[in-house]
């Protein structure tokens, strides 16, 4: 299970995203780059598949961002 604030990186362009909440049961990942306005919306199962395939990388959790 993922928690709000966790950060991910796409492998194709090394763009970083933060899990900001849910929409209709899917996870919403918002870009950390202010010039990118495109959010990613995937189910938790799709996120796990992207992680397994190496297309998405988990950078850290919210507890790692503090401090």
C-alpha atoms as a PDB file:
ATOM      1  CA  UNK A   1       0.000   0.000   0.000  1.00  0.00           C
ATOM      2  CA  UNK A   2       1.291   3.414  -0.945  1.00  0.00           C
ATOM      3  CA  UNK A   3       1.130   6.547   1.184  1.00  0.00           C
ATOM      4  CA  UNK A   4       0.511  10.137   0.225  1.00  0.00           C
ATOM      5  CA  UNK A   5       3.812  11.963  -0.223  1.00  0.00           C
ATOM      6  CA  UNK A   6       5.743   9.030  -1.678  1.00  0.00           C
ATOM      7  CA  UNK A   7       7.839   9.994  -4.684  1.00  0.00           C
ATOM      8  CA  UNK A   8       8.324   8.139  -7.963  1.00  0.00           C
ATOM      9  CA  UNK A   9      10.494   8.603 -11.040  1.00  0.00           C
ATOM     10  CA  UNK A  10       9.691   7.553 -14.596  1.00  0.00           C
ATOM     11  CA  UNK A  11      12.461   5.622 -16.355  1.00  0.00           C
ATOM     12  CA  UNK A  12      11.863   7.032 -19.849  1.00  0.00           C
ATOM     13  CA  UNK A  13      12.454  10.702 -18.954  1.00  0.00           C
ATOM     14  CA  UNK A  14      13.601  10.650 -15.297  1.00  0.00           C
ATOM     15  CA  UNK A  15      10.682  12.907 -14.349  1.00  0.00           C
ATOM     16  CA  UNK A  16       9.777  12.816 -10.639  1.00  0.00           C
ATOM     17  CA  UNK A  17       6.205  12.635  -9.346  1.00  0.00           C
ATOM     18  CA  UNK A  18       4.581  12.712  -5.924  1.00  0.00           C
ATOM     19  CA  UNK A  19       1.573  10.655  -4.858  1.00  0.00           C
ATOM     20  CA  UNK A  20      -0.877  13.428  -3.958  1.00  0.00           C
ATOM     21  CA  UNK A  21      -4.145  11.545  -3.507  1.00  0.00           C
ATOM     22  CA  UNK A  22      -6.750   9.362  -5.122  1.00  0.00           C
ATOM     23  CA  UNK A  23      -9.348   9.902  -7.809  1.00  0.00           C
ATOM     24  CA  UNK A  24     -12.107   7.345  -8.292  1.00  0.00           C
ATOM     25  CA  UNK A  25     -10.012   4.637  -6.631  1.00  0.00           C
ATOM     26  CA  UNK A  26      -6.861   5.357  -8.659  1.00  0.00           C
ATOM     27  CA  UNK A  27      -3.633   6.949  -7.495  1.00  0.00           C
ATOM     28  CA  UNK A  28      -2.834  10.466  -8.719  1.00  0.00           C
ATOM     29  CA  UNK A  29       0.855  11.283  -9.194  1.00  0.00           C
ATOM     30  CA  UNK A  30       1.627  14.980  -9.678  1.00  0.00           C
ATOM     31  CA  UNK A  31       4.839  16.173 -11.334  1.00  0.00           C
ATOM     32  CA  UNK A  32       7.385  17.909  -9.129  1.00  0.00           C
ATOM     33  CA  UNK A  33       8.582  19.999 -12.072  1.00  0.00           C
ATOM     34  CA  UNK A  34       6.462  23.182 -12.143  1.00  0.00           C
ATOM     35  CA  UNK A  35       6.687  23.323 -15.950  1.00  0.00           C
ATOM     36  CA  UNK A  36       4.993  19.920 -16.304  1.00  0.00           C
ATOM     37  CA  UNK A  37       1.223  20.052 -15.729  1.00  0.00           C
ATOM     38  CA  UNK A  38       0.475  16.448 -16.726  1.00  0.00           C
ATOM     39  CA  UNK A  39      -0.521  14.171 -13.839  1.00  0.00           C
ATOM     40  CA  UNK A  40      -0.334  10.370 -13.931  1.00  0.00           C
ATOM     41  CA  UNK A  41      -3.361   8.337 -12.843  1.00  0.00           C
ATOM     42  CA  UNK A  42      -2.932   4.607 -12.265  1.00  0.00           C
ATOM     43  CA  UNK A  43      -4.510   1.919 -10.105  1.00  0.00           C
ATOM     44  CA  UNK A  44      -2.332   0.511  -7.333  1.00  0.00           C
ATOM     45  CA  UNK A  45      -1.982  -2.698  -9.364  1.00  0.00           C
ATOM     46  CA  UNK A  46      -0.754  -0.746 -12.390  1.00  0.00           C
ATOM     47  CA  UNK A  47       1.774   1.123 -10.218  1.00  0.00           C
ATOM     48  CA  UNK A  48       3.085  -2.206  -8.898  1.00  0.00           C
ATOM     49  CA  UNK A  49       3.364  -3.543 -12.457  1.00  0.00           C
ATOM     50  CA  UNK A  50       5.249  -0.421 -13.617  1.00  0.00           C
ATOM     51  CA  UNK A  51       7.617  -0.798 -10.641  1.00  0.00           C
ATOM     52  CA  UNK A  52       8.168  -4.497 -11.437  1.00  0.00           C
ATOM     53  CA  UNK A  53       8.837  -3.684 -15.116  1.00  0.00           C
ATOM     54  CA  UNK A  54      11.324  -0.935 -14.195  1.00  0.00           C
ATOM     55  CA  UNK A  55       9.245   1.761 -15.897  1.00  0.00           C
ATOM     56  CA  UNK A  56       8.687   3.498 -12.574  1.00  0.00           C
ATOM     57  CA  UNK A  57      11.007   3.744  -9.584  1.00  0.00           C
ATOM     58  CA  UNK A  58      10.039   4.453  -5.967  1.00  0.00           C
ATOM     59  CA  UNK A  59      12.330   7.238  -4.736  1.00  0.00           C
ATOM     60  CA  UNK A  60      11.260   7.489  -1.102  1.00  0.00           C
ATOM     61  CA  UNK A  61       8.375   7.746   1.320  1.00  0.00           C
ATOM     62  CA  UNK A  62       6.986  10.723   3.203  1.00  0.00           C
ATOM     63  CA  UNK A  63       8.973   9.825   6.322  1.00  0.00           C
ATOM     64  CA  UNK A  64      12.212  10.249   4.344  1.00  0.00           C
ATOM     65  CA  UNK A  65      11.262  13.749   3.181  1.00  0.00           C
ATOM     66  CA  UNK A  66      11.224  15.115   6.730  1.00  0.00           C
ATOM     67  CA  UNK A  67      14.521  16.089   8.271  1.00  0.00           C
END
